[in-house]
Amino acid sequence: NEKDKSEIKEIPMPMPASNVMLVHKGKVTRIGFKIDAKGNKVRVARSTGDEI
Protein backbone atom coordinates (compact mmCIF):
# COMPACT_ATOMS: atom_id res chain seq x y z
CA ASN A 1 0.00 0.00 0.00
CA GLU A 2 1.40 3.42 -0.97
CA LYS A 3 0.07 5.12 2.18
CA ASP A 4 2.04 2.89 4.57
CA LYS A 5 5.25 4.45 5.85
CA SER A 6 8.37 2.49 6.60
CA GLU A 7 10.74 3.33 9.40
CA ILE A 8 14.00 2.16 10.90
CA LYS A 9 13.78 1.23 14.57
CA GLU A 10 16.74 0.85 16.88
CA ILE A 11 16.24 -2.06 19.26
CA PRO A 12 18.72 -2.52 22.13
CA MET A 13 20.34 -5.95 21.90
CA PRO A 14 23.19 -7.64 23.76
CA MET A 15 26.57 -7.24 22.09
CA PRO A 16 28.57 -10.41 21.36
CA ALA A 17 31.73 -10.64 23.46
CA SER A 18 33.76 -11.34 20.31
CA ASN A 19 33.05 -7.77 19.14
CA VAL A 20 34.48 -6.16 22.28
CA MET A 21 38.13 -5.38 22.99
CA LEU A 22 39.62 -4.86 26.43
CA VAL A 23 41.40 -1.60 27.32
CA HIS A 24 44.72 -2.16 29.12
CA LYS A 25 46.98 0.76 30.08
CA GLY A 26 44.87 3.14 27.97
CA LYS A 27 45.08 1.11 24.75
CA VAL A 28 42.87 -1.58 23.27
CA THR A 29 44.43 -5.02 23.28
CA ARG A 30 43.60 -8.60 22.44
CA ILE A 31 43.54 -11.21 25.17
CA GLY A 32 45.43 -14.46 25.36
CA PHE A 33 45.71 -17.16 27.99
CA LYS A 34 48.71 -18.79 29.63
CA ILE A 35 49.39 -21.08 32.56
CA ASP A 36 51.11 -19.36 35.49
CA ALA A 37 53.67 -20.88 37.87
CA LYS A 38 50.92 -22.29 40.12
CA GLY A 39 49.20 -24.02 37.21
CA ASN A 40 46.31 -21.55 36.97
CA LYS A 41 45.00 -20.39 33.61
CA VAL A 42 45.30 -16.57 33.51
CA ARG A 43 44.35 -13.89 30.99
CA VAL A 44 47.25 -12.03 29.37
CA ALA A 45 47.28 -8.78 27.35
CA ARG A 46 48.76 -9.67 23.94
CA SER A 47 50.25 -6.21 23.43
CA THR A 48 52.31 -6.18 26.65
CA GLY A 49 52.31 -9.73 27.98
CA ASP A 50 51.04 -8.50 31.37
CA GLU A 51 48.55 -10.56 33.37
CA ILE A 52 45.11 -8.99 33.60
PDB file of N, CA and C in Angstrom:
ATOM      1  N   ASN A   1       0.840  -1.168   0.000  1.00  0.00           N
ATOM      2  CA  ASN A   1       0.000   0.000   0.000  1.00  0.00           C
ATOM      3  C   ASN A   1       0.893   1.243   0.000  1.00  0.00           C
ATOM      4  N   GLU A   2       0.578   2.219  -0.837  1.00  0.00           N
ATOM      5  CA  GLU A   2       1.398   3.423  -0.974  1.00  0.00           C
ATOM      6  C   GLU A   2       1.305   4.340   0.238  1.00  0.00           C
ATOM      7  N   LYS A   3       0.255   4.240   1.039  1.00  0.00           N
ATOM      8  CA  LYS A   3       0.068   5.124   2.182  1.00  0.00           C
ATOM      9  C   LYS A   3       0.846   4.654   3.416  1.00  0.00           C
ATOM     10  N   ASP A   4       1.273   3.408   3.438  1.00  0.00           N
ATOM     11  CA  ASP A   4       2.045   2.893   4.573  1.00  0.00           C
ATOM     12  C   ASP A   4       3.440   3.504   4.569  1.00  0.00           C
ATOM     13  N   LYS A   5       3.904   3.889   5.740  1.00  0.00           N
ATOM     14  CA  LYS A   5       5.254   4.445   5.851  1.00  0.00           C
ATOM     15  C   LYS A   5       6.170   3.399   6.470  1.00  0.00           C
ATOM     16  N   SER A   6       7.379   3.384   5.999  1.00  0.00           N
ATOM     17  CA  SER A   6       8.367   2.487   6.597  1.00  0.00           C
ATOM     18  C   SER A   6       9.254   3.305   7.527  1.00  0.00           C
ATOM     19  N   GLU A   7       9.859   2.648   8.474  1.00  0.00           N
ATOM     20  CA  GLU A   7      10.744   3.331   9.399  1.00  0.00           C
ATOM     21  C   GLU A   7      11.828   2.371   9.868  1.00  0.00           C
ATOM     22  N   ILE A   8      12.905   2.948  10.347  1.00  0.00           N
ATOM     23  CA  ILE A   8      14.000   2.160  10.903  1.00  0.00           C
ATOM     24  C   ILE A   8      13.939   2.314  12.411  1.00  0.00           C
ATOM     25  N   LYS A   9      13.838   1.207  13.116  1.00  0.00           N
ATOM     26  CA  LYS A   9      13.777   1.232  14.573  1.00  0.00           C
ATOM     27  C   LYS A   9      15.077   0.694  15.136  1.00  0.00           C
ATOM     28  N   GLU A  10      15.566   1.344  16.177  1.00  0.00           N
ATOM     29  CA  GLU A  10      16.742   0.848  16.882  1.00  0.00           C
ATOM     30  C   GLU A  10      16.272   0.076  18.100  1.00  0.00           C
ATOM     31  N   ILE A  11      16.645  -1.189  18.164  1.00  0.00           N
ATOM     32  CA  ILE A  11      16.239  -2.059  19.259  1.00  0.00           C
ATOM     33  C   ILE A  11      17.491  -2.451  20.042  1.00  0.00           C
ATOM     34  N   PRO A  12      17.550  -2.131  21.336  1.00  0.00           N
ATOM     35  CA  PRO A  12      18.724  -2.523  22.128  1.00  0.00           C
ATOM     36  C   PRO A  12      18.863  -4.044  22.179  1.00  0.00           C
ATOM     37  N   MET A  13      20.061  -4.516  21.898  1.00  0.00           N
ATOM     38  CA  MET A  13      20.340  -5.949  21.897  1.00  0.00           C
ATOM     39  C   MET A  13      21.670  -6.175  22.613  1.00  0.00           C
ATOM     40  N   PRO A  14      21.879  -7.345  23.167  1.00  0.00           N
ATOM     41  CA  PRO A  14      23.186  -7.645  23.763  1.00  0.00           C
ATOM     42  C   PRO A  14      24.269  -7.686  22.686  1.00  0.00           C
ATOM     43  N   MET A  15      25.459  -7.242  23.041  1.00  0.00           N
ATOM     44  CA  MET A  15      26.569  -7.244  22.094  1.00  0.00           C
ATOM     45  C   MET A  15      27.397  -8.513  22.299  1.00  0.00           C
ATOM     46  N   PRO A  16      27.743  -9.208  21.216  1.00  0.00           N
ATOM     47  CA  PRO A  16      28.575 -10.407  21.359  1.00  0.00           C
ATOM     48  C   PRO A  16      29.952 -10.060  21.937  1.00  0.00           C
ATOM     49  N   ALA A  17      30.441 -10.880  22.816  1.00  0.00           N
ATOM     50  CA  ALA A  17      31.734 -10.640  23.462  1.00  0.00           C
ATOM     51  C   ALA A  17      32.877 -10.634  22.453  1.00  0.00           C
ATOM     52  N   SER A  18      32.703 -11.307  21.323  1.00  0.00           N
ATOM     53  CA  SER A  18      33.759 -11.342  20.315  1.00  0.00           C
ATOM     54  C   SER A  18      33.938  -9.992  19.629  1.00  0.00           C
ATOM     55  N   ASN A  19      32.958  -9.090  19.753  1.00  0.00           N
ATOM     56  CA  ASN A  19      33.049  -7.767  19.135  1.00  0.00           C
ATOM     57  C   ASN A  19      33.595  -6.709  20.091  1.00  0.00           C
ATOM     58  N   VAL A  20      34.031  -7.105  21.264  1.00  0.00           N
ATOM     59  CA  VAL A  20      34.484  -6.163  22.281  1.00  0.00           C
ATOM     60  C   VAL A  20      35.972  -6.380  22.532  1.00  0.00           C
ATOM     61  N   MET A  21      36.721  -5.274  22.645  1.00  0.00           N
ATOM     62  CA  MET A  21      38.133  -5.381  22.993  1.00  0.00           C
ATOM     63  C   MET A  21      38.353  -4.776  24.370  1.00  0.00           C
ATOM     64  N   LEU A  22      39.298  -5.323  25.097  1.00  0.00           N
ATOM     65  CA  LEU A  22      39.624  -4.865  26.434  1.00  0.00           C
ATOM     66  C   LEU A  22      40.601  -3.696  26.346  1.00  0.00           C
ATOM     67  N   VAL A  23      40.470  -2.727  27.244  1.00  0.00           N
ATOM     68  CA  VAL A  23      41.403  -1.604  27.316  1.00  0.00           C
ATOM     69  C   VAL A  23      42.377  -1.885  28.456  1.00  0.00           C
ATOM     70  N   HIS A  24      43.671  -1.894  28.131  1.00  0.00           N
ATOM     71  CA  HIS A  24      44.722  -2.163  29.118  1.00  0.00           C
ATOM     72  C   HIS A  24      45.775  -1.071  28.984  1.00  0.00           C
ATOM     73  N   LYS A  25      46.028  -0.361  30.064  1.00  0.00           N
ATOM     74  CA  LYS A  25      46.984   0.756  30.080  1.00  0.00           C
ATOM     75  C   LYS A  25      46.632   1.820  29.039  1.00  0.00           C
ATOM     76  N   GLY A  26      45.330   2.079  28.862  1.00  0.00           N
ATOM     77  CA  GLY A  26      44.871   3.136  27.969  1.00  0.00           C
ATOM     78  C   GLY A  26      44.800   2.769  26.503  1.00  0.00           C
ATOM     79  N   LYS A  27      45.126   1.534  26.148  1.00  0.00           N
ATOM     80  CA  LYS A  27      45.079   1.110  24.748  1.00  0.00           C
ATOM     81  C   LYS A  27      44.272  -0.174  24.632  1.00  0.00           C
ATOM     82  N   VAL A  28      43.615  -0.339  23.484  1.00  0.00           N
ATOM     83  CA  VAL A  28      42.872  -1.582  23.271  1.00  0.00           C
ATOM     84  C   VAL A  28      43.861  -2.702  22.984  1.00  0.00           C
ATOM     85  N   THR A  29      43.536  -3.886  23.458  1.00  0.00           N
ATOM     86  CA  THR A  29      44.428  -5.022  23.276  1.00  0.00           C
ATOM     87  C   THR A  29      43.630  -6.308  23.165  1.00  0.00           C
ATOM     88  N   ARG A  30      44.203  -7.264  22.491  1.00  0.00           N
ATOM     89  CA  ARG A  30      43.604  -8.596  22.443  1.00  0.00           C
ATOM     90  C   ARG A  30      44.020  -9.361  23.693  1.00  0.00           C
ATOM     91  N   ILE A  31      43.297 -10.420  23.969  1.00  0.00           N
ATOM     92  CA  ILE A  31      43.539 -11.208  25.173  1.00  0.00           C
ATOM     93  C   ILE A  31      43.996 -12.604  24.781  1.00  0.00           C
ATOM     94  N   GLY A  32      44.986 -13.091  25.506  1.00  0.00           N
ATOM     95  CA  GLY A  32      45.430 -14.464  25.357  1.00  0.00           C
ATOM     96  C   GLY A  32      45.380 -15.140  26.717  1.00  0.00           C
ATOM     97  N   PHE A  33      45.687 -16.412  26.744  1.00  0.00           N
ATOM     98  CA  PHE A  33      45.706 -17.165  27.994  1.00  0.00           C
ATOM     99  C   PHE A  33      47.043 -17.863  28.125  1.00  0.00           C
ATOM    100  N   LYS A  34      47.504 -17.993  29.372  1.00  0.00           N
ATOM    101  CA  LYS A  34      48.705 -18.786  29.634  1.00  0.00           C
ATOM    102  C   LYS A  34      48.555 -19.416  31.009  1.00  0.00           C
ATOM    103  N   ILE A  35      49.389 -20.396  31.268  1.00  0.00           N
ATOM    104  CA  ILE A  35      49.390 -21.080  32.556  1.00  0.00           C
ATOM    105  C   ILE A  35      50.483 -20.447  33.415  1.00  0.00           C
ATOM    106  N   ASP A  36      50.113 -19.979  34.616  1.00  0.00           N
ATOM    107  CA  ASP A  36      51.110 -19.356  35.488  1.00  0.00           C
ATOM    108  C   ASP A  36      51.898 -20.417  36.254  1.00  0.00           C
ATOM    109  N   ALA A  37      52.791 -19.972  37.129  1.00  0.00           N
ATOM    110  CA  ALA A  37      53.673 -20.880  37.870  1.00  0.00           C
ATOM    111  C   ALA A  37      52.910 -21.840  38.775  1.00  0.00           C
ATOM    112  N   LYS A  38      51.731 -21.438  39.250  1.00  0.00           N
ATOM    113  CA  LYS A  38      50.923 -22.290  40.124  1.00  0.00           C
ATOM    114  C   LYS A  38      50.024 -23.245  39.349  1.00  0.00           C
ATOM    115  N   GLY A  39      50.035 -23.146  38.023  1.00  0.00           N
ATOM    116  CA  GLY A  39      49.200 -24.022  37.206  1.00  0.00           C
ATOM    117  C   GLY A  39      47.825 -23.458  36.906  1.00  0.00           C
ATOM    118  N   ASN A  40      47.596 -22.187  37.248  1.00  0.00           N
ATOM    119  CA  ASN A  40      46.311 -21.548  36.971  1.00  0.00           C
ATOM    120  C   ASN A  40      46.302 -20.947  35.572  1.00  0.00           C
ATOM    121  N   LYS A  41      45.160 -21.006  34.915  1.00  0.00           N
ATOM    122  CA  LYS A  41      44.997 -20.388  33.606  1.00  0.00           C
ATOM    123  C   LYS A  41      44.665 -18.912  33.825  1.00  0.00           C
ATOM    124  N   VAL A  42      45.501 -18.005  33.302  1.00  0.00           N
ATOM    125  CA  VAL A  42      45.303 -16.571  33.509  1.00  0.00           C
ATOM    126  C   VAL A  42      45.187 -15.855  32.170  1.00  0.00           C
ATOM    127  N   ARG A  43      44.468 -14.715  32.189  1.00  0.00           N
ATOM    128  CA  ARG A  43      44.349 -13.894  30.988  1.00  0.00           C
ATOM    129  C   ARG A  43      45.575 -13.002  30.868  1.00  0.00           C
ATOM    130  N   VAL A  44      46.043 -12.801  29.629  1.00  0.00           N
ATOM    131  CA  VAL A  44      47.246 -12.025  29.374  1.00  0.00           C
ATOM    132  C   VAL A  44      46.955 -11.039  28.248  1.00  0.00           C
ATOM    133  N   ALA A  45      47.401  -9.780  28.412  1.00  0.00           N
ATOM    134  CA  ALA A  45      47.285  -8.783  27.347  1.00  0.00           C
ATOM    135  C   ALA A  45      48.303  -9.131  26.270  1.00  0.00           C
ATOM    136  N   ARG A  46      47.846  -9.298  25.027  1.00  0.00           N
ATOM    137  CA  ARG A  46      48.758  -9.672  23.944  1.00  0.00           C
ATOM    138  C   ARG A  46      49.762  -8.569  23.630  1.00  0.00           C
ATOM    139  N   SER A  47      49.366  -7.311  23.799  1.00  0.00           N
ATOM    140  CA  SER A  47      50.248  -6.206  23.435  1.00  0.00           C
ATOM    141  C   SER A  47      51.440  -6.065  24.378  1.00  0.00           C
ATOM    142  N   THR A  48      51.240  -6.375  25.672  1.00  0.00           N
ATOM    143  CA  THR A  48      52.314  -6.180  26.650  1.00  0.00           C
ATOM    144  C   THR A  48      52.791  -7.464  27.308  1.00  0.00           C
ATOM    145  N   GLY A  49      51.961  -8.497  27.301  1.00  0.00           N
ATOM    146  CA  GLY A  49      52.306  -9.735  27.976  1.00  0.00           C
ATOM    147  C   GLY A  49      51.981  -9.722  29.453  1.00  0.00           C
ATOM    148  N   ASP A  50      51.391  -8.622  29.952  1.00  0.00           N
ATOM    149  CA  ASP A  50      51.035  -8.505  31.369  1.00  0.00           C
ATOM    150  C   ASP A  50      49.798  -9.330  31.684  1.00  0.00           C
ATOM    151  N   GLU A  51      49.758  -9.870  32.906  1.00  0.00           N
ATOM    152  CA  GLU A  51      48.551 -10.556  33.371  1.00  0.00           C
ATOM    153  C   GLU A  51      47.471  -9.521  33.649  1.00  0.00           C
ATOM    154  N   ILE A  52      46.248  -9.898  33.370  1.00  0.00           N
ATOM    155  CA  ILE A  52      45.113  -8.994  33.601  1.00  0.00           C
ATOM    156  C   ILE A  52      44.286  -9.543  34.740  1.00  0.00           C
TER     157      ILE A  52
END
